[in-house]
């Protein structure tokens, strides 16, 4: 039986997962670009760069592919970008306001037409 006040023992696998989760490096965009450009220069092999940066070669190639795809889109004139939630909410509010304005104008036009038909 477990004693009160004593923490439960974790399995070795759980401990390793926790350590990996806490020690995982997070690369910002500038670091990723620097690493990809080093590989594209060709002065060092990709394997050497990956070893030095402590990343898997598959991760390097993923970053490289993303980098080249983004460059290709930009050169083709694709300036689309993802809108953040604030922008989306503002656009929805503006859309609702414009719909309301159109409905009010349509109602006014209908009323004026009825008044005009009543005069003739």
PDB file of N, CA and C in Angstrom:
ATOM      1  N   UNK A   1       0.829  -1.182   0.000  1.00  0.00           N
ATOM      2  CA  UNK A   1       0.000   0.000   0.000  1.00  0.00           C
ATOM      3  C   UNK A   1       0.870   1.240   0.000  1.00  0.00           C
ATOM      4  N   UNK A   2       0.419   2.267  -0.687  1.00  0.00           N
ATOM      5  CA  UNK A   2       1.160   3.515  -0.721  1.00  0.00           C
ATOM      6  C   UNK A   2       0.947   4.265   0.583  1.00  0.00           C
ATOM      7  N   UNK A   3       2.016   4.802   1.083  1.00  0.00           N
ATOM      8  CA  UNK A   3       1.926   5.571   2.317  1.00  0.00           C
ATOM      9  C   UNK A   3       1.552   7.010   1.998  1.00  0.00           C
ATOM     10  N   UNK A   4       0.712   7.599   2.851  1.00  0.00           N
ATOM     11  CA  UNK A   4       0.363   9.004   2.615  1.00  0.00           C
ATOM     12  C   UNK A   4       1.591   9.886   2.796  1.00  0.00           C
ATOM     13  N   UNK A   5       1.707  10.895   1.954  1.00  0.00           N
ATOM     14  CA  UNK A   5       2.819  11.820   2.058  1.00  0.00           C
ATOM     15  C   UNK A   5       4.033  11.396   1.255  1.00  0.00           C
ATOM     16  N   UNK A   6       4.047  10.192   0.748  1.00  0.00           N
ATOM     17  CA  UNK A   6       5.157   9.700  -0.068  1.00  0.00           C
ATOM     18  C   UNK A   6       4.773   9.754  -1.535  1.00  0.00           C
ATOM     19  N   UNK A   7       5.616  10.360  -2.387  1.00  0.00           N
ATOM     20  CA  UNK A   7       5.282  10.419  -3.817  1.00  0.00           C
ATOM     21  C   UNK A   7       5.392   9.045  -4.458  1.00  0.00           C
ATOM     22  N   UNK A   8       4.564   8.820  -5.484  1.00  0.00           N
ATOM     23  CA  UNK A   8       4.611   7.560  -6.217  1.00  0.00           C
ATOM     24  C   UNK A   8       5.866   7.540  -7.069  1.00  0.00           C
ATOM     25  N   UNK A   9       6.466   6.352  -7.213  1.00  0.00           N
ATOM     26  CA  UNK A   9       7.654   6.212  -8.034  1.00  0.00           C
ATOM     27  C   UNK A   9       7.248   6.179  -9.503  1.00  0.00           C
ATOM     28  N   UNK A  10       8.026   6.877 -10.332  1.00  0.00           N
ATOM     29  CA  UNK A  10       7.786   6.869 -11.766  1.00  0.00           C
ATOM     30  C   UNK A  10       8.611   5.750 -12.385  1.00  0.00           C
ATOM     31  N   UNK A  11       8.120   5.281 -13.511  1.00  0.00           N
ATOM     32  CA  UNK A  11       8.894   4.281 -14.231  1.00  0.00           C
ATOM     33  C   UNK A  11      10.094   4.977 -14.869  1.00  0.00           C
ATOM     34  N   UNK A  12      11.085   4.223 -15.215  1.00  0.00           N
ATOM     35  CA  UNK A  12      12.281   4.779 -15.849  1.00  0.00           C
ATOM     36  C   UNK A  12      11.919   5.455 -17.169  1.00  0.00           C
ATOM     37  N   UNK A  13      10.983   4.856 -17.880  1.00  0.00           N
ATOM     38  CA  UNK A  13      10.546   5.417 -19.160  1.00  0.00           C
ATOM     39  C   UNK A  13       9.909   6.790 -18.966  1.00  0.00           C
ATOM     40  N   UNK A  14       9.089   6.938 -17.929  1.00  0.00           N
ATOM     41  CA  UNK A  14       8.437   8.218 -17.642  1.00  0.00           C
ATOM     42  C   UNK A  14       9.465   9.272 -17.247  1.00  0.00           C
ATOM     43  N   UNK A  15      10.471   8.864 -16.490  1.00  0.00           N
ATOM     44  CA  UNK A  15      11.517   9.800 -16.084  1.00  0.00           C
ATOM     45  C   UNK A  15      12.285  10.298 -17.300  1.00  0.00           C
ATOM     46  N   UNK A  16      12.633   9.395 -18.219  1.00  0.00           N
ATOM     47  CA  UNK A  16      13.353   9.772 -19.432  1.00  0.00           C
ATOM     48  C   UNK A  16      12.516  10.723 -20.277  1.00  0.00           C
ATOM     49  N   UNK A  17      11.228  10.445 -20.428  1.00  0.00           N
ATOM     50  CA  UNK A  17      10.342  11.327 -21.199  1.00  0.00           C
ATOM     51  C   UNK A  17      10.281  12.712 -20.581  1.00  0.00           C
ATOM     52  N   UNK A  18      10.190  12.786 -19.252  1.00  0.00           N
ATOM     53  CA  UNK A  18      10.159  14.080 -18.571  1.00  0.00           C
ATOM     54  C   UNK A  18      11.445  14.863 -18.807  1.00  0.00           C
ATOM     55  N   UNK A  19      12.574  14.187 -18.724  1.00  0.00           N
ATOM     56  CA  UNK A  19      13.866  14.842 -18.942  1.00  0.00           C
ATOM     57  C   UNK A  19      13.959  15.362 -20.372  1.00  0.00           C
ATOM     58  N   UNK A  20      13.556  14.540 -21.342  1.00  0.00           N
ATOM     59  CA  UNK A  20      13.591  14.978 -22.737  1.00  0.00           C
ATOM     60  C   UNK A  20      12.689  16.186 -22.955  1.00  0.00           C
ATOM     61  N   UNK A  21      11.515  16.150 -22.343  1.00  0.00           N
ATOM     62  CA  UNK A  21      10.566  17.246 -22.499  1.00  0.00           C
ATOM     63  C   UNK A  21      11.135  18.544 -21.932  1.00  0.00           C
ATOM     64  N   UNK A  22      11.819  18.459 -20.803  1.00  0.00           N
ATOM     65  CA  UNK A  22      12.348  19.645 -20.142  1.00  0.00           C
ATOM     66  C   UNK A  22      13.622  20.157 -20.794  1.00  0.00           C
ATOM     67  N   UNK A  23      14.372  19.281 -21.446  1.00  0.00           N
ATOM     68  CA  UNK A  23      15.648  19.703 -22.017  1.00  0.00           C
ATOM     69  C   UNK A  23      15.585  19.922 -23.521  1.00  0.00           C
ATOM     70  N   UNK A  24      14.412  19.779 -24.121  1.00  0.00           N
ATOM     71  CA  UNK A  24      14.284  19.967 -25.565  1.00  0.00           C
ATOM     72  C   UNK A  24      14.624  21.411 -25.929  1.00  0.00           C
ATOM     73  N   UNK A  25      15.519  21.573 -26.903  1.00  0.00           N
ATOM     74  CA  UNK A  25      15.899  22.913 -27.360  1.00  0.00           C
ATOM     75  C   UNK A  25      14.819  23.456 -28.268  1.00  0.00           C
ATOM     76  N   UNK A  26      14.591  24.721 -28.150  1.00  0.00           N
ATOM     77  CA  UNK A  26      13.652  25.397 -29.035  1.00  0.00           C
ATOM     78  C   UNK A  26      14.442  26.414 -29.853  1.00  0.00           C
ATOM     79  N   UNK A  27      14.370  26.287 -31.167  1.00  0.00           N
ATOM     80  CA  UNK A  27      15.111  27.170 -32.057  1.00  0.00           C
ATOM     81  C   UNK A  27      14.184  28.264 -32.560  1.00  0.00           C
ATOM     82  N   UNK A  28      14.665  29.511 -32.522  1.00  0.00           N
ATOM     83  CA  UNK A  28      13.863  30.585 -33.102  1.00  0.00           C
ATOM     84  C   UNK A  28      14.142  30.650 -34.601  1.00  0.00           C
ATOM     85  N   UNK A  29      13.424  31.494 -35.294  1.00  0.00           N
ATOM     86  CA  UNK A  29      13.517  31.548 -36.752  1.00  0.00           C
ATOM     87  C   UNK A  29      14.931  31.908 -37.210  1.00  0.00           C
ATOM     88  N   UNK A  30      15.581  32.837 -36.519  1.00  0.00           N
ATOM     89  CA  UNK A  30      16.921  33.257 -36.925  1.00  0.00           C
ATOM     90  C   UNK A  30      17.919  32.109 -36.826  1.00  0.00           C
ATOM     91  N   UNK A  31      17.802  31.316 -35.765  1.00  0.00           N
ATOM     92  CA  UNK A  31      18.712  30.177 -35.602  1.00  0.00           C
ATOM     93  C   UNK A  31      18.482  29.142 -36.705  1.00  0.00           C
ATOM     94  N   UNK A  32      17.218  28.883 -37.020  1.00  0.00           N
ATOM     95  CA  UNK A  32      16.907  27.916 -38.076  1.00  0.00           C
ATOM     96  C   UNK A  32      17.471  28.385 -39.414  1.00  0.00           C
ATOM     97  N   UNK A  33      17.290  29.670 -39.704  1.00  0.00           N
ATOM     98  CA  UNK A  33      17.789  30.227 -40.966  1.00  0.00           C
ATOM     99  C   UNK A  33      19.308  30.125 -41.020  1.00  0.00           C
ATOM    100  N   UNK A  34      19.981  30.454 -39.915  1.00  0.00           N
ATOM    101  CA  UNK A  34      21.442  30.386 -39.860  1.00  0.00           C
ATOM    102  C   UNK A  34      21.916  28.963 -40.150  1.00  0.00           C
ATOM    103  N   UNK A  35      21.273  27.988 -39.525  1.00  0.00           N
ATOM    104  CA  UNK A  35      21.669  26.591 -39.699  1.00  0.00           C
ATOM    105  C   UNK A  35      21.430  26.134 -41.133  1.00  0.00           C
ATOM    106  N   UNK A  36      20.278  26.482 -41.700  1.00  0.00           N
ATOM    107  CA  UNK A  36      19.961  26.081 -43.076  1.00  0.00           C
ATOM    108  C   UNK A  36      20.938  26.727 -44.054  1.00  0.00           C
ATOM    109  N   UNK A  37      21.243  28.008 -43.851  1.00  0.00           N
ATOM    110  CA  UNK A  37      22.174  28.691 -44.750  1.00  0.00           C
ATOM    111  C   UNK A  37      23.574  28.088 -44.674  1.00  0.00           C
ATOM    112  N   UNK A  38      23.994  27.670 -43.483  1.00  0.00           N
ATOM    113  CA  UNK A  38      25.293  27.004 -43.348  1.00  0.00           C
ATOM    114  C   UNK A  38      25.314  25.731 -44.189  1.00  0.00           C
ATOM    115  N   UNK A  39      24.229  25.001 -44.163  1.00  0.00           N
ATOM    116  CA  UNK A  39      24.153  23.783 -44.963  1.00  0.00           C
ATOM    117  C   UNK A  39      24.143  24.070 -46.445  1.00  0.00           C
ATOM    118  N   UNK A  40      23.474  25.148 -46.843  1.00  0.00           N
ATOM    119  CA  UNK A  40      23.409  25.496 -48.259  1.00  0.00           C
ATOM    120  C   UNK A  40      24.748  26.002 -48.791  1.00  0.00           C
ATOM    121  N   UNK A  41      25.560  26.587 -47.911  1.00  0.00           N
ATOM    122  CA  UNK A  41      26.883  27.060 -48.332  1.00  0.00           C
ATOM    123  C   UNK A  41      27.752  25.903 -48.798  1.00  0.00           C
ATOM    124  N   UNK A  42      27.614  24.768 -48.138  1.00  0.00           N
ATOM    125  CA  UNK A  42      28.354  23.586 -48.547  1.00  0.00           C
ATOM    126  C   UNK A  42      29.772  23.519 -48.013  1.00  0.00           C
ATOM    127  N   UNK A  43      30.150  24.428 -47.112  1.00  0.00           N
ATOM    128  CA  UNK A  43      31.500  24.396 -46.548  1.00  0.00           C
ATOM    129  C   UNK A  43      31.683  23.218 -45.598  1.00  0.00           C
ATOM    130  N   UNK A  44      30.577  22.812 -44.947  1.00  0.00           N
ATOM    131  CA  UNK A  44      30.587  21.656 -44.054  1.00  0.00           C
ATOM    132  C   UNK A  44      29.489  20.709 -44.518  1.00  0.00           C
ATOM    133  N   UNK A  45      29.626  19.460 -44.157  1.00  0.00           N
ATOM    134  CA  UNK A  45      28.566  18.521 -44.517  1.00  0.00           C
ATOM    135  C   UNK A  45      27.366  18.748 -43.588  1.00  0.00           C
ATOM    136  N   UNK A  46      26.224  18.348 -44.076  1.00  0.00           N
ATOM    137  CA  UNK A  46      25.002  18.481 -43.280  1.00  0.00           C
ATOM    138  C   UNK A  46      25.133  17.674 -41.994  1.00  0.00           C
ATOM    139  N   UNK A  47      25.756  16.510 -42.094  1.00  0.00           N
ATOM    140  CA  UNK A  47      25.933  15.667 -40.908  1.00  0.00           C
ATOM    141  C   UNK A  47      26.765  16.383 -39.841  1.00  0.00           C
ATOM    142  N   UNK A  48      27.834  17.076 -40.264  1.00  0.00           N
ATOM    143  CA  UNK A  48      28.674  17.813 -39.312  1.00  0.00           C
ATOM    144  C   UNK A  48      27.896  18.945 -38.652  1.00  0.00           C
ATOM    145  N   UNK A  49      27.121  19.658 -39.449  1.00  0.00           N
ATOM    146  CA  UNK A  49      26.321  20.766 -38.907  1.00  0.00           C
ATOM    147  C   UNK A  49      25.306  20.236 -37.910  1.00  0.00           C
ATOM    148  N   UNK A  50      24.638  19.151 -38.269  1.00  0.00           N
ATOM    149  CA  UNK A  50      23.631  18.561 -37.374  1.00  0.00           C
ATOM    150  C   UNK A  50      24.265  18.082 -36.076  1.00  0.00           C
ATOM    151  N   UNK A  51      25.446  17.471 -36.178  1.00  0.00           N
ATOM    152  CA  UNK A  51      26.142  17.017 -34.977  1.00  0.00           C
ATOM    153  C   UNK A  51      26.494  18.193 -34.085  1.00  0.00           C
ATOM    154  N   UNK A  52      27.033  19.252 -34.685  1.00  0.00           N
ATOM    155  CA  UNK A  52      27.447  20.431 -33.924  1.00  0.00           C
ATOM    156  C   UNK A  52      26.247  21.107 -33.255  1.00  0.00           C
ATOM    157  N   UNK A  53      25.117  21.170 -33.965  1.00  0.00           N
ATOM    158  CA  UNK A  53      23.926  21.849 -33.444  1.00  0.00           C
ATOM    159  C   UNK A  53      23.039  20.925 -32.617  1.00  0.00           C
ATOM    160  N   UNK A  54      23.402  19.662 -32.555  1.00  0.00           N
ATOM    161  CA  UNK A  54      22.640  18.632 -31.828  1.00  0.00           C
ATOM    162  C   UNK A  54      21.203  18.522 -32.328  1.00  0.00           C
ATOM    163  N   UNK A  55      21.077  18.414 -33.643  1.00  0.00           N
ATOM    164  CA  UNK A  55      19.761  18.209 -34.241  1.00  0.00           C
ATOM    165  C   UNK A  55      19.831  16.993 -35.155  1.00  0.00           C
ATOM    166  N   UNK A  56      18.699  16.418 -35.413  1.00  0.00           N
ATOM    167  CA  UNK A  56      18.618  15.270 -36.320  1.00  0.00           C
ATOM    168  C   UNK A  56      18.689  15.773 -37.758  1.00  0.00           C
ATOM    169  N   UNK A  57      19.348  15.036 -38.628  1.00  0.00           N
ATOM    170  CA  UNK A  57      19.394  15.436 -40.043  1.00  0.00           C
ATOM    171  C   UNK A  57      18.000  15.605 -40.648  1.00  0.00           C
ATOM    172  N   UNK A  58      17.047  14.784 -40.222  1.00  0.00           N
ATOM    173  CA  UNK A  58      15.673  14.914 -40.748  1.00  0.00           C
ATOM    174  C   UNK A  58      15.093  16.282 -40.401  1.00  0.00           C
ATOM    175  N   UNK A  59      15.412  16.789 -39.215  1.00  0.00           N
ATOM    176  CA  UNK A  59      14.928  18.111 -38.812  1.00  0.00           C
ATOM    177  C   UNK A  59      15.570  19.195 -39.682  1.00  0.00           C
ATOM    178  N   UNK A  60      16.877  19.046 -39.941  1.00  0.00           N
ATOM    179  CA  UNK A  60      17.562  20.007 -40.816  1.00  0.00           C
ATOM    180  C   UNK A  60      16.891  20.040 -42.186  1.00  0.00           C
ATOM    181  N   UNK A  61      16.629  18.872 -42.756  1.00  0.00           N
ATOM    182  CA  UNK A  61      16.033  18.823 -44.094  1.00  0.00           C
ATOM    183  C   UNK A  61      14.600  19.364 -44.101  1.00  0.00           C
ATOM    184  N   UNK A  62      13.889  19.192 -43.011  1.00  0.00           N
ATOM    185  CA  UNK A  62      12.544  19.765 -42.908  1.00  0.00           C
ATOM    186  C   UNK A  62      12.630  21.292 -42.912  1.00  0.00           C
ATOM    187  N   UNK A  63      13.560  21.834 -42.094  1.00  0.00           N
ATOM    188  CA  UNK A  63      13.748  23.290 -42.061  1.00  0.00           C
ATOM    189  C   UNK A  63      14.175  23.809 -43.427  1.00  0.00           C
ATOM    190  N   UNK A  64      15.072  23.082 -44.076  1.00  0.00           N
ATOM    191  CA  UNK A  64      15.567  23.483 -45.385  1.00  0.00           C
ATOM    192  C   UNK A  64      14.427  23.529 -46.402  1.00  0.00           C
ATOM    193  N   UNK A  65      13.583  22.502 -46.389  1.00  0.00           N
ATOM    194  CA  UNK A  65      12.437  22.457 -47.309  1.00  0.00           C
ATOM    195  C   UNK A  65      11.489  23.617 -47.029  1.00  0.00           C
ATOM    196  N   UNK A  66      11.173  23.865 -45.752  1.00  0.00           N
ATOM    197  CA  UNK A  66      10.283  24.966 -45.386  1.00  0.00           C
ATOM    198  C   UNK A  66      10.866  26.308 -45.827  1.00  0.00           C
ATOM    199  N   UNK A  67      12.167  26.464 -45.631  1.00  0.00           N
ATOM    200  CA  UNK A  67      12.864  27.699 -45.986  1.00  0.00           C
ATOM    201  C   UNK A  67      12.761  27.952 -47.489  1.00  0.00           C
ATOM    202  N   UNK A  68      13.045  26.928 -48.275  1.00  0.00           N
ATOM    203  CA  UNK A  68      13.010  27.078 -49.727  1.00  0.00           C
ATOM    204  C   UNK A  68      11.592  27.291 -50.245  1.00  0.00           C
ATOM    205  N   UNK A  69      10.622  26.596 -49.653  1.00  0.00           N
ATOM    206  CA  UNK A  69       9.224  26.774 -50.066  1.00  0.00           C
ATOM    207  C   UNK A  69       8.751  28.195 -49.772  1.00  0.00           C
ATOM    208  N   UNK A  70       9.114  28.710 -48.602  1.00  0.00           N
ATOM    209  CA  UNK A  70       8.709  30.073 -48.238  1.00  0.00           C
ATOM    210  C   UNK A  70       9.336  31.085 -49.195  1.00  0.00           C
ATOM    211  N   UNK A  71      10.589  30.863 -49.550  1.00  0.00           N
ATOM    212  CA  UNK A  71      11.255  31.753 -50.496  1.00  0.00           C
ATOM    213  C   UNK A  71      10.612  31.705 -51.869  1.00  0.00           C
ATOM    214  N   UNK A  72      10.251  30.504 -52.297  1.00  0.00           N
ATOM    215  CA  UNK A  72       9.608  30.351 -53.611  1.00  0.00           C
ATOM    216  C   UNK A  72       8.252  31.068 -53.629  1.00  0.00           C
ATOM    217  N   UNK A  73       7.481  30.904 -52.564  1.00  0.00           N
ATOM    218  CA  UNK A  73       6.172  31.573 -52.498  1.00  0.00           C
ATOM    219  C   UNK A  73       6.337  33.082 -52.540  1.00  0.00           C
ATOM    220  N   UNK A  74       7.306  33.575 -51.791  1.00  0.00           N
ATOM    221  CA  UNK A  74       7.529  35.024 -51.724  1.00  0.00           C
ATOM    222  C   UNK A  74       7.953  35.570 -53.083  1.00  0.00           C
ATOM    223  N   UNK A  75       8.829  34.852 -53.774  1.00  0.00           N
ATOM    224  CA  UNK A  75       9.286  35.297 -55.090  1.00  0.00           C
ATOM    225  C   UNK A  75       8.175  35.240 -56.125  1.00  0.00           C
ATOM    226  N   UNK A  76       7.228  34.332 -55.947  1.00  0.00           N
ATOM    227  CA  UNK A  76       6.087  34.252 -56.864  1.00  0.00           C
ATOM    228  C   UNK A  76       5.040  35.311 -56.561  1.00  0.00           C
ATOM    229  N   UNK A  77       5.275  36.128 -55.563  1.00  0.00           N
ATOM    230  CA  UNK A  77       4.351  37.207 -55.243  1.00  0.00           C
ATOM    231  C   UNK A  77       3.256  36.815 -54.292  1.00  0.00           C
ATOM    232  N   UNK A  78       3.369  35.663 -53.679  1.00  0.00           N
ATOM    233  CA  UNK A  78       2.365  35.212 -52.721  1.00  0.00           C
ATOM    234  C   UNK A  78       2.604  35.933 -51.403  1.00  0.00           C
ATOM    235  N   UNK A  79       1.810  36.952 -51.161  1.00  0.00           N
ATOM    236  CA  UNK A  79       1.999  37.727 -49.930  1.00  0.00           C
ATOM    237  C   UNK A  79       0.931  37.399 -48.900  1.00  0.00           C
ATOM    238  N   UNK A  80       0.193  36.300 -49.130  1.00  0.00           N
ATOM    239  CA  UNK A  80      -0.815  35.895 -48.157  1.00  0.00           C
ATOM    240  C   UNK A  80      -0.134  35.551 -46.840  1.00  0.00           C
ATOM    241  N   UNK A  81      -0.830  35.819 -45.783  1.00  0.00           N
ATOM    242  CA  UNK A  81      -0.313  35.442 -44.478  1.00  0.00           C
ATOM    243  C   UNK A  81      -1.487  35.026 -43.622  1.00  0.00           C
ATOM    244  N   UNK A  82      -1.192  34.335 -42.564  1.00  0.00           N
ATOM    245  CA  UNK A  82      -2.255  33.899 -41.682  1.00  0.00           C
ATOM    246  C   UNK A  82      -2.648  35.058 -40.777  1.00  0.00           C
ATOM    247  N   UNK A  83      -3.934  35.296 -40.659  1.00  0.00           N
ATOM    248  CA  UNK A  83      -4.415  36.346 -39.778  1.00  0.00           C
ATOM    249  C   UNK A  83      -4.480  35.812 -38.355  1.00  0.00           C
ATOM    250  N   UNK A  84      -4.188  36.689 -37.413  1.00  0.00           N
ATOM    251  CA  UNK A  84      -4.290  36.241 -36.022  1.00  0.00           C
ATOM    252  C   UNK A  84      -5.729  36.395 -35.547  1.00  0.00           C
ATOM    253  N   UNK A  85      -6.028  35.886 -34.385  1.00  0.00           N
ATOM    254  CA  UNK A  85      -7.405  35.859 -33.892  1.00  0.00           C
ATOM    255  C   UNK A  85      -7.989  37.246 -33.723  1.00  0.00           C
ATOM    256  N   UNK A  86      -7.186  38.176 -33.267  1.00  0.00           N
ATOM    257  CA  UNK A  86      -7.688  39.542 -33.076  1.00  0.00           C
ATOM    258  C   UNK A  86      -8.147  40.124 -34.408  1.00  0.00           C
ATOM    259  N   UNK A  87      -7.326  39.942 -35.451  1.00  0.00           N
ATOM    260  CA  UNK A  87      -7.688  40.459 -36.773  1.00  0.00           C
ATOM    261  C   UNK A  87      -8.957  39.794 -37.287  1.00  0.00           C
ATOM    262  N   UNK A  88      -9.074  38.505 -37.093  1.00  0.00           N
ATOM    263  CA  UNK A  88     -10.261  37.775 -37.554  1.00  0.00           C
ATOM    264  C   UNK A  88     -11.504  38.297 -36.837  1.00  0.00           C
ATOM    265  N   UNK A  89     -11.411  38.474 -35.528  1.00  0.00           N
ATOM    266  CA  UNK A  89     -12.560  38.974 -34.765  1.00  0.00           C
ATOM    267  C   UNK A  89     -12.943  40.379 -35.201  1.00  0.00           C
ATOM    268  N   UNK A  90     -11.949  41.248 -35.442  1.00  0.00           N
ATOM    269  CA  UNK A  90     -12.244  42.603 -35.904  1.00  0.00           C
ATOM    270  C   UNK A  90     -12.928  42.578 -37.272  1.00  0.00           C
ATOM    271  N   UNK A  91     -12.433  41.722 -38.167  1.00  0.00           N
ATOM    272  CA  UNK A  91     -13.035  41.623 -39.495  1.00  0.00           C
ATOM    273  C   UNK A  91     -14.461  41.085 -39.422  1.00  0.00           C
ATOM    274  N   UNK A  92     -14.720  40.156 -38.523  1.00  0.00           N
ATOM    275  CA  UNK A  92     -16.083  39.633 -38.362  1.00  0.00           C
ATOM    276  C   UNK A  92     -17.024  40.719 -37.861  1.00  0.00           C
ATOM    277  N   UNK A  93     -16.551  41.514 -36.899  1.00  0.00           N
ATOM    278  CA  UNK A  93     -17.382  42.618 -36.387  1.00  0.00           C
ATOM    279  C   UNK A  93     -17.679  43.618 -37.496  1.00  0.00           C
ATOM    280  N   UNK A  94     -16.652  43.962 -38.269  1.00  0.00           N
ATOM    281  CA  UNK A  94     -16.841  44.909 -39.364  1.00  0.00           C
ATOM    282  C   UNK A  94     -17.825  44.349 -40.385  1.00  0.00           C
ATOM    283  N   UNK A  95     -17.704  43.059 -40.687  1.00  0.00           N
ATOM    284  CA  UNK A  95     -18.616  42.410 -41.629  1.00  0.00           C
ATOM    285  C   UNK A  95     -20.053  42.452 -41.108  1.00  0.00           C
ATOM    286  N   UNK A  96     -20.240  42.154 -39.833  1.00  0.00           N
ATOM    287  CA  UNK A  96     -21.582  42.206 -39.244  1.00  0.00           C
ATOM    288  C   UNK A  96     -22.156  43.612 -39.308  1.00  0.00           C
ATOM    289  N   UNK A  97     -21.337  44.617 -39.014  1.00  0.00           N
ATOM    290  CA  UNK A  97     -21.799  46.009 -39.076  1.00  0.00           C
ATOM    291  C   UNK A  97     -22.198  46.400 -40.489  1.00  0.00           C
ATOM    292  N   UNK A  98     -21.402  45.974 -41.470  1.00  0.00           N
ATOM    293  CA  UNK A  98     -21.724  46.300 -42.861  1.00  0.00           C
ATOM    294  C   UNK A  98     -22.999  45.590 -43.316  1.00  0.00           C
ATOM    295  N   UNK A  99     -23.188  44.352 -42.898  1.00  0.00           N
ATOM    296  CA  UNK A  99     -24.419  43.632 -43.234  1.00  0.00           C
ATOM    297  C   UNK A  99     -25.630  44.343 -42.650  1.00  0.00           C
ATOM    298  N   UNK A 100     -25.485  44.810 -41.411  1.00  0.00           N
ATOM    299  CA  UNK A 100     -26.577  45.529 -40.759  1.00  0.00           C
ATOM    300  C   UNK A 100     -26.892  46.822 -41.511  1.00  0.00           C
ATOM    301  N   UNK A 101     -25.857  47.526 -41.938  1.00  0.00           N
ATOM    302  CA  UNK A 101     -26.040  48.770 -42.680  1.00  0.00           C
ATOM    303  C   UNK A 101     -26.745  48.512 -44.011  1.00  0.00           C
ATOM    304  N   UNK A 102     -26.354  47.465 -44.716  1.00  0.00           N
ATOM    305  CA  UNK A 102     -26.996  47.115 -45.991  1.00  0.00           C
ATOM    306  C   UNK A 102     -28.470  46.766 -45.753  1.00  0.00           C
ATOM    307  N   UNK A 103     -28.753  46.029 -44.696  1.00  0.00           N
ATOM    308  CA  UNK A 103     -30.143  45.665 -44.394  1.00  0.00           C
ATOM    309  C   UNK A 103     -30.975  46.908 -44.108  1.00  0.00           C
ATOM    310  N   UNK A 104     -30.415  47.847 -43.330  1.00  0.00           N
ATOM    311  CA  UNK A 104     -31.140  49.087 -43.031  1.00  0.00           C
ATOM    312  C   UNK A 104     -31.402  49.890 -44.298  1.00  0.00           C
ATOM    313  N   UNK A 105     -30.405  49.972 -45.183  1.00  0.00           N
ATOM    314  CA  UNK A 105     -30.576  50.715 -46.434  1.00  0.00           C
ATOM    315  C   UNK A 105     -31.632  50.052 -47.327  1.00  0.00           C
ATOM    316  N   UNK A 106     -31.617  48.728 -47.382  1.00  0.00           N
ATOM    317  CA  UNK A 106     -32.611  48.014 -48.195  1.00  0.00           C
ATOM    318  C   UNK A 106     -34.010  48.260 -47.648  1.00  0.00           C
ATOM    319  N   UNK A 107     -34.156  48.286 -46.336  1.00  0.00           N
ATOM    320  CA  UNK A 107     -35.443  48.550 -45.715  1.00  0.00           C
ATOM    321  C   UNK A 107     -35.919  49.966 -46.038  1.00  0.00           C
ATOM    322  N   UNK A 108     -35.016  50.941 -45.952  1.00  0.00           N
ATOM    323  CA  UNK A 108     -35.370  52.334 -46.283  1.00  0.00           C
ATOM    324  C   UNK A 108     -35.817  52.455 -47.736  1.00  0.00           C
ATOM    325  N   UNK A 109     -35.085  51.783 -48.626  1.00  0.00           N
ATOM    326  CA  UNK A 109     -35.442  51.838 -50.049  1.00  0.00           C
ATOM    327  C   UNK A 109     -36.823  51.247 -50.261  1.00  0.00           C
ATOM    328  N   UNK A 110     -37.115  50.135 -49.611  1.00  0.00           N
ATOM    329  CA  UNK A 110     -38.421  49.487 -49.739  1.00  0.00           C
ATOM    330  C   UNK A 110     -39.534  50.426 -49.259  1.00  0.00           C
ATOM    331  N   UNK A 111     -39.321  51.072 -48.105  1.00  0.00           N
ATOM    332  CA  UNK A 111     -40.317  51.998 -47.555  1.00  0.00           C
ATOM    333  C   UNK A 111     -40.521  53.168 -48.510  1.00  0.00           C
ATOM    334  N   UNK A 112     -39.437  53.707 -49.043  1.00  0.00           N
ATOM    335  CA  UNK A 112     -39.565  54.846 -49.971  1.00  0.00           C
ATOM    336  C   UNK A 112     -40.298  54.446 -51.238  1.00  0.00           C
ATOM    337  N   UNK A 113     -40.039  53.232 -51.746  1.00  0.00           N
ATOM    338  CA  UNK A 113     -40.736  52.775 -52.937  1.00  0.00           C
ATOM    339  C   UNK A 113     -42.239  52.642 -52.685  1.00  0.00           C
ATOM    340  N   UNK A 114     -42.606  52.132 -51.485  1.00  0.00           N
ATOM    341  CA  UNK A 114     -44.020  52.009 -51.169  1.00  0.00           C
ATOM    342  C   UNK A 114     -44.673  53.372 -51.079  1.00  0.00           C
ATOM    343  N   UNK A 115     -43.963  54.339 -50.465  1.00  0.00           N
ATOM    344  CA  UNK A 115     -44.490  55.701 -50.373  1.00  0.00           C
ATOM    345  C   UNK A 115     -44.645  56.309 -51.747  1.00  0.00           C
ATOM    346  N   UNK A 116     -43.682  56.069 -52.622  1.00  0.00           N
ATOM    347  CA  UNK A 116     -43.700  56.611 -53.974  1.00  0.00           C
ATOM    348  C   UNK A 116     -44.840  55.987 -54.768  1.00  0.00           C
ATOM    349  N   UNK A 117     -45.092  54.699 -54.603  1.00  0.00           N
ATOM    350  CA  UNK A 117     -46.196  54.028 -55.295  1.00  0.00           C
ATOM    351  C   UNK A 117     -47.538  54.538 -54.780  1.00  0.00           C
ATOM    352  N   UNK A 118     -47.604  54.903 -53.529  1.00  0.00           N
ATOM    353  CA  UNK A 118     -48.847  55.421 -52.956  1.00  0.00           C
ATOM    354  C   UNK A 118     -49.182  56.811 -53.487  1.00  0.00           C
ATOM    355  N   UNK A 119     -48.167  57.569 -53.935  1.00  0.00           N
ATOM    356  CA  UNK A 119     -48.399  58.922 -54.426  1.00  0.00           C
ATOM    357  C   UNK A 119     -48.948  58.925 -55.850  1.00  0.00           C
ATOM    358  N   UNK A 120     -48.699  57.885 -56.608  1.00  0.00           N
ATOM    359  CA  UNK A 120     -49.130  57.883 -58.013  1.00  0.00           C
ATOM    360  C   UNK A 120     -50.503  57.309 -58.190  1.00  0.00           C
TER     361      UNK A 120
END
